[in-house]
Amino acid sequence: MRKIILSLSVVAMSFSVVFLNSCSKDDTTPPSISLAGDASLELSLNTASWADPGATATDDEDGTVSVTSDYSSTNPNLNMTGTYTITYSATDAAGNVGTAVRTVRVKNDAEIFAGTYSVHDTCPGLVFNYTQIITVDETLNNRVHFNKFADYANNTGIYANRLANGTLEMPAQTANAIGSGSGTCAIEDHRFTGVSFTSNSTGFVLVYTDELLGSAPCTGTTQCTATFTLQ
């Protein structure tokens, strides 16, 4: 009789273990990742270096787990404007994967000048009104480009640099410009040089010289004033 009772007890205990194991929940919770530093940040184009501050991860079953990421020398690319996403991953013993992201925007510091402008351009005896699109350089910080400077049709290579004080400087530069005139002076090389820059509430005013580099009579230097109004 005692053997029967003992056998039944063993069976009952075994059943209890099986029952408890069958009722226990599987580990389906992924690790939680905490970023070191901001989840979203901006860096100036051509920043010399930037180190990812990294991240840590903890799991409710495994405790601290390791974190990997796709951060690299080109993610973010400090020499190309754009928005980059760094993805962090952590995996626990049950195979659950937790992720987190950090967004890094590499920006040109001269982007405040980017936009479409209405330009009123006055030179001695001449008045030009035209639309000007200013874009920022994707690889050189603080540089902006004019799509049609001084209203010359193919004058697309003119640029200016943003200085530390926030103003624009236009270095002397030569472009083959197609003007609206006729005769021997219709297509000539011009040298444009910025003289002064003044910002206002709606845009800015750029005074520049336009030097005609042809042979006589297609020579001479004029000073013009271009008022840029943001559309």
Foldseek 3Di string as FASTA:
>chain_A
DVVVVVVVVVVVVVVVVVVVVVPDDDPQDFKDKDADDDLEEEDEAPDPDDDRRGIWTQDPPAGTFDKDKPDDCVQPPSQFFDKGKIKMWTADPSGHIDIGIGIYGHDAPLCVQFAKWWKWKDWVVDTDTDIWGKDADGGDHQKIWICQPPNFDRFGGFIWGQDPVGWTFGDWDKDFTQAPDDDPQRTFIWIKGWDDWAADPFHIKTKIKIFTDDDPPRTDIIIMIMDIGGD
